[in-house]
Amino acid sequence: MKTFQAQLPHRIELWKSLERIKEAGYETWYAEMIEHYSCPECHTLNSAYDLACRRCGSSPSCAYVRLHKDEIAPHITKMT
């Protein structure tokens, strides 16, 4: 599991998410993730790989990207 988690940046919070689901339940965790991946400006749901919001262009696109941008950026370069 640790190898799987370390391979791609969208899995950075895997262990934290599993603990949160266990603690708060799936529905609460899911609502938190919608907020975590939503643009703080226009509330558009973005991907872990959207450095800027796909709708309004705000940067960072969401709290997840703000927290993990340094880990995400190298993977985006490889994908382009």
N, C-alpha and C. Protein backbone atom coordinates (compact mmCIF):
# COMPACT_ATOMS: atom_id res chain seq x y z
N MET A 1 0.81 -1.19 0.00
CA MET A 1 0.00 0.00 0.00
C MET A 1 0.86 1.26 0.00
N LYS A 2 1.95 1.25 0.76
CA LYS A 2 2.80 2.43 0.82
C LYS A 2 3.43 2.75 -0.53
N THR A 3 3.80 1.73 -1.29
CA THR A 3 4.35 1.94 -2.63
C THR A 3 3.28 2.54 -3.53
N PHE A 4 2.09 1.99 -3.48
CA PHE A 4 0.96 2.51 -4.25
C PHE A 4 0.72 3.98 -3.91
N GLN A 5 0.70 4.31 -2.64
CA GLN A 5 0.44 5.68 -2.19
C GLN A 5 1.52 6.64 -2.67
N ALA A 6 2.74 6.21 -2.70
CA ALA A 6 3.86 7.09 -3.04
C ALA A 6 4.02 7.34 -4.54
N GLN A 7 3.36 6.59 -5.38
CA GLN A 7 3.56 6.68 -6.82
C GLN A 7 2.99 7.95 -7.46
N LEU A 8 1.89 8.46 -6.98
CA LEU A 8 1.24 9.62 -7.60
C LEU A 8 0.76 10.61 -6.55
N PRO A 9 0.86 11.90 -6.85
CA PRO A 9 0.51 12.91 -5.85
C PRO A 9 -0.94 12.95 -5.41
N HIS A 10 -1.87 12.47 -6.21
CA HIS A 10 -3.26 12.51 -5.75
C HIS A 10 -3.51 11.51 -4.62
N ARG A 11 -2.50 10.71 -4.31
CA ARG A 11 -2.62 9.74 -3.22
C ARG A 11 -1.89 10.19 -1.96
N ILE A 12 -1.36 11.40 -1.94
CA ILE A 12 -0.57 11.90 -0.81
C ILE A 12 -1.32 11.76 0.51
N GLU A 13 -2.60 12.06 0.50
CA GLU A 13 -3.38 12.06 1.72
C GLU A 13 -4.15 10.76 1.94
N LEU A 14 -3.74 9.69 1.29
CA LEU A 14 -4.45 8.41 1.38
C LEU A 14 -4.63 7.94 2.82
N TRP A 15 -3.56 7.87 3.58
CA TRP A 15 -3.64 7.36 4.96
C TRP A 15 -4.46 8.31 5.83
N LYS A 16 -4.28 9.60 5.64
CA LYS A 16 -5.05 10.59 6.39
C LYS A 16 -6.54 10.44 6.08
N SER A 17 -6.86 10.21 4.82
CA SER A 17 -8.27 10.04 4.42
C SER A 17 -8.88 8.79 5.03
N LEU A 18 -8.12 7.70 5.02
CA LEU A 18 -8.64 6.47 5.62
C LEU A 18 -8.93 6.64 7.10
N GLU A 19 -8.04 7.33 7.80
CA GLU A 19 -8.25 7.59 9.22
C GLU A 19 -9.47 8.49 9.43
N ARG A 20 -9.63 9.50 8.59
CA ARG A 20 -10.75 10.42 8.72
C ARG A 20 -12.08 9.71 8.46
N ILE A 21 -12.11 8.83 7.46
CA ILE A 21 -13.33 8.05 7.19
C ILE A 21 -13.68 7.21 8.40
N LYS A 22 -12.68 6.58 8.99
CA LYS A 22 -12.92 5.74 10.16
C LYS A 22 -13.44 6.59 11.33
N GLU A 23 -12.88 7.77 11.48
CA GLU A 23 -13.23 8.66 12.59
C GLU A 23 -14.60 9.33 12.41
N ALA A 24 -14.85 9.90 11.23
CA ALA A 24 -16.04 10.74 11.03
C ALA A 24 -17.12 10.11 10.17
N GLY A 25 -16.78 9.05 9.47
CA GLY A 25 -17.73 8.43 8.56
C GLY A 25 -17.55 8.93 7.13
N TYR A 26 -17.97 8.10 6.19
CA TYR A 26 -17.78 8.40 4.77
C TYR A 26 -18.47 9.69 4.34
N GLU A 27 -19.71 9.91 4.77
CA GLU A 27 -20.47 11.08 4.32
C GLU A 27 -19.78 12.38 4.74
N THR A 28 -19.31 12.44 5.97
CA THR A 28 -18.61 13.64 6.46
C THR A 28 -17.31 13.83 5.70
N TRP A 29 -16.53 12.76 5.56
CA TRP A 29 -15.26 12.83 4.82
C TRP A 29 -15.50 13.30 3.39
N TYR A 30 -16.53 12.77 2.74
CA TYR A 30 -16.83 13.13 1.36
C TYR A 30 -17.14 14.63 1.25
N ALA A 31 -17.95 15.15 2.14
CA ALA A 31 -18.27 16.58 2.14
C ALA A 31 -17.01 17.42 2.35
N GLU A 32 -16.13 16.96 3.21
CA GLU A 32 -14.87 17.65 3.45
C GLU A 32 -13.98 17.63 2.21
N MET A 33 -13.98 16.53 1.49
CA MET A 33 -13.15 16.43 0.28
C MET A 33 -13.68 17.33 -0.84
N ILE A 34 -15.00 17.46 -0.95
CA ILE A 34 -15.57 18.39 -1.93
C ILE A 34 -15.04 19.79 -1.66
N GLU A 35 -15.05 20.19 -0.40
CA GLU A 35 -14.52 21.50 -0.02
C GLU A 35 -13.00 21.58 -0.27
N HIS A 36 -12.29 20.53 0.07
CA HIS A 36 -10.82 20.48 -0.04
C HIS A 36 -10.35 20.62 -1.49
N TYR A 37 -11.14 20.11 -2.43
CA TYR A 37 -10.77 20.15 -3.85
C TYR A 37 -11.52 21.25 -4.63
N SER A 38 -12.26 22.10 -3.95
CA SER A 38 -13.00 23.17 -4.61
C SER A 38 -12.22 24.48 -4.59
N CYS A 39 -12.39 25.25 -5.66
CA CYS A 39 -11.74 26.55 -5.77
C CYS A 39 -12.25 27.48 -4.66
N PRO A 40 -11.34 28.15 -3.96
CA PRO A 40 -11.78 29.05 -2.91
C PRO A 40 -12.51 30.29 -3.46
N GLU A 41 -12.34 30.58 -4.73
CA GLU A 41 -12.97 31.76 -5.34
C GLU A 41 -14.34 31.46 -5.93
N CYS A 42 -14.42 30.45 -6.81
CA CYS A 42 -15.69 30.18 -7.53
C CYS A 42 -16.34 28.86 -7.13
N HIS A 43 -15.69 28.08 -6.29
CA HIS A 43 -16.21 26.82 -5.75
C HIS A 43 -16.31 25.69 -6.78
N THR A 44 -15.61 25.82 -7.90
CA THR A 44 -15.56 24.75 -8.89
C THR A 44 -14.73 23.60 -8.33
N LEU A 45 -15.19 22.39 -8.54
CA LEU A 45 -14.45 21.21 -8.12
C LEU A 45 -13.29 20.99 -9.09
N ASN A 46 -12.08 20.90 -8.57
CA ASN A 46 -10.88 20.74 -9.39
C ASN A 46 -10.18 19.42 -9.07
N SER A 47 -9.29 19.05 -9.95
CA SER A 47 -8.47 17.85 -9.79
C SER A 47 -7.24 18.18 -8.95
N ALA A 48 -6.63 17.17 -8.39
CA ALA A 48 -5.36 17.34 -7.67
C ALA A 48 -4.27 17.83 -8.61
N TYR A 49 -4.48 17.70 -9.91
CA TYR A 49 -3.48 18.10 -10.90
C TYR A 49 -3.79 19.45 -11.55
N ASP A 50 -4.84 20.12 -11.14
CA ASP A 50 -5.17 21.45 -11.64
C ASP A 50 -4.47 22.48 -10.75
N LEU A 51 -3.35 23.02 -11.21
CA LEU A 51 -2.66 24.01 -10.40
C LEU A 51 -3.45 25.31 -10.32
N ALA A 52 -4.17 25.64 -11.39
CA ALA A 52 -5.08 26.79 -11.42
C ALA A 52 -6.49 26.26 -11.64
N CYS A 53 -7.47 26.97 -11.13
CA CYS A 53 -8.87 26.56 -11.27
C CYS A 53 -9.25 26.42 -12.73
N ARG A 54 -9.91 25.36 -13.06
CA ARG A 54 -10.31 25.11 -14.45
C ARG A 54 -11.42 26.04 -14.91
N ARG A 55 -12.07 26.72 -14.00
CA ARG A 55 -13.14 27.65 -14.39
C ARG A 55 -12.69 29.11 -14.37
N CYS A 56 -12.15 29.57 -13.23
CA CYS A 56 -11.84 31.00 -13.09
C CYS A 56 -10.35 31.32 -13.18
N GLY A 57 -9.50 30.28 -13.16
CA GLY A 57 -8.06 30.50 -13.27
C GLY A 57 -7.36 30.85 -11.97
N SER A 58 -8.09 30.89 -10.88
CA SER A 58 -7.49 31.20 -9.58
C SER A 58 -6.42 30.18 -9.23
N SER A 59 -5.36 30.66 -8.61
CA SER A 59 -4.26 29.78 -8.24
C SER A 59 -3.90 30.00 -6.77
N PRO A 60 -3.81 28.94 -6.01
CA PRO A 60 -3.98 27.54 -6.39
C PRO A 60 -5.46 27.20 -6.59
N SER A 61 -5.68 26.09 -7.26
CA SER A 61 -7.05 25.71 -7.62
C SER A 61 -7.88 25.26 -6.43
N CYS A 62 -7.21 24.80 -5.37
CA CYS A 62 -7.92 24.28 -4.20
C CYS A 62 -6.94 24.13 -3.04
N ALA A 63 -7.45 23.80 -1.88
CA ALA A 63 -6.60 23.63 -0.70
C ALA A 63 -5.60 22.50 -0.89
N TYR A 64 -6.02 21.42 -1.54
CA TYR A 64 -5.11 20.30 -1.76
C TYR A 64 -3.88 20.74 -2.54
N VAL A 65 -4.06 21.49 -3.61
CA VAL A 65 -2.94 21.97 -4.42
C VAL A 65 -2.10 22.95 -3.61
N ARG A 66 -2.73 23.79 -2.82
CA ARG A 66 -1.98 24.73 -1.98
C ARG A 66 -1.04 23.97 -1.04
N LEU A 67 -1.51 22.88 -0.48
CA LEU A 67 -0.71 22.10 0.46
C LEU A 67 0.37 21.25 -0.20
N HIS A 68 0.13 20.80 -1.44
CA HIS A 68 1.01 19.80 -2.05
C HIS A 68 1.58 20.20 -3.41
N LYS A 69 1.57 21.47 -3.73
CA LYS A 69 2.00 21.93 -5.06
C LYS A 69 3.41 21.44 -5.42
N ASP A 70 4.33 21.49 -4.48
CA ASP A 70 5.70 21.08 -4.77
C ASP A 70 5.80 19.60 -5.15
N GLU A 71 4.92 18.79 -4.62
CA GLU A 71 4.91 17.37 -4.95
C GLU A 71 4.15 17.08 -6.23
N ILE A 72 3.18 17.92 -6.57
CA ILE A 72 2.35 17.73 -7.75
C ILE A 72 3.04 18.22 -9.03
N ALA A 73 3.68 19.36 -8.97
CA ALA A 73 4.27 20.00 -10.15
C ALA A 73 5.17 19.09 -10.98
N PRO A 74 6.09 18.31 -10.39
CA PRO A 74 6.92 17.44 -11.21
C PRO A 74 6.14 16.41 -12.02
N HIS A 75 5.02 15.95 -11.50
CA HIS A 75 4.20 14.97 -12.20
C HIS A 75 3.47 15.60 -13.39
N ILE A 76 3.10 16.85 -13.26
CA ILE A 76 2.44 17.54 -14.36
C ILE A 76 3.42 17.73 -15.50
N THR A 77 4.65 18.06 -15.18
CA THR A 77 5.69 18.22 -16.20
C THR A 77 5.89 16.92 -16.97
N LYS A 78 5.88 15.79 -16.27
CA LYS A 78 6.05 14.49 -16.92
C LYS A 78 4.88 14.16 -17.85
N MET A 79 3.68 14.65 -17.49
CA MET A 79 2.47 14.33 -18.26
C MET A 79 2.36 15.16 -19.53
N THR A 80 3.03 16.30 -19.61
CA THR A 80 2.89 17.16 -20.78
C THR A 80 3.98 16.90 -21.79
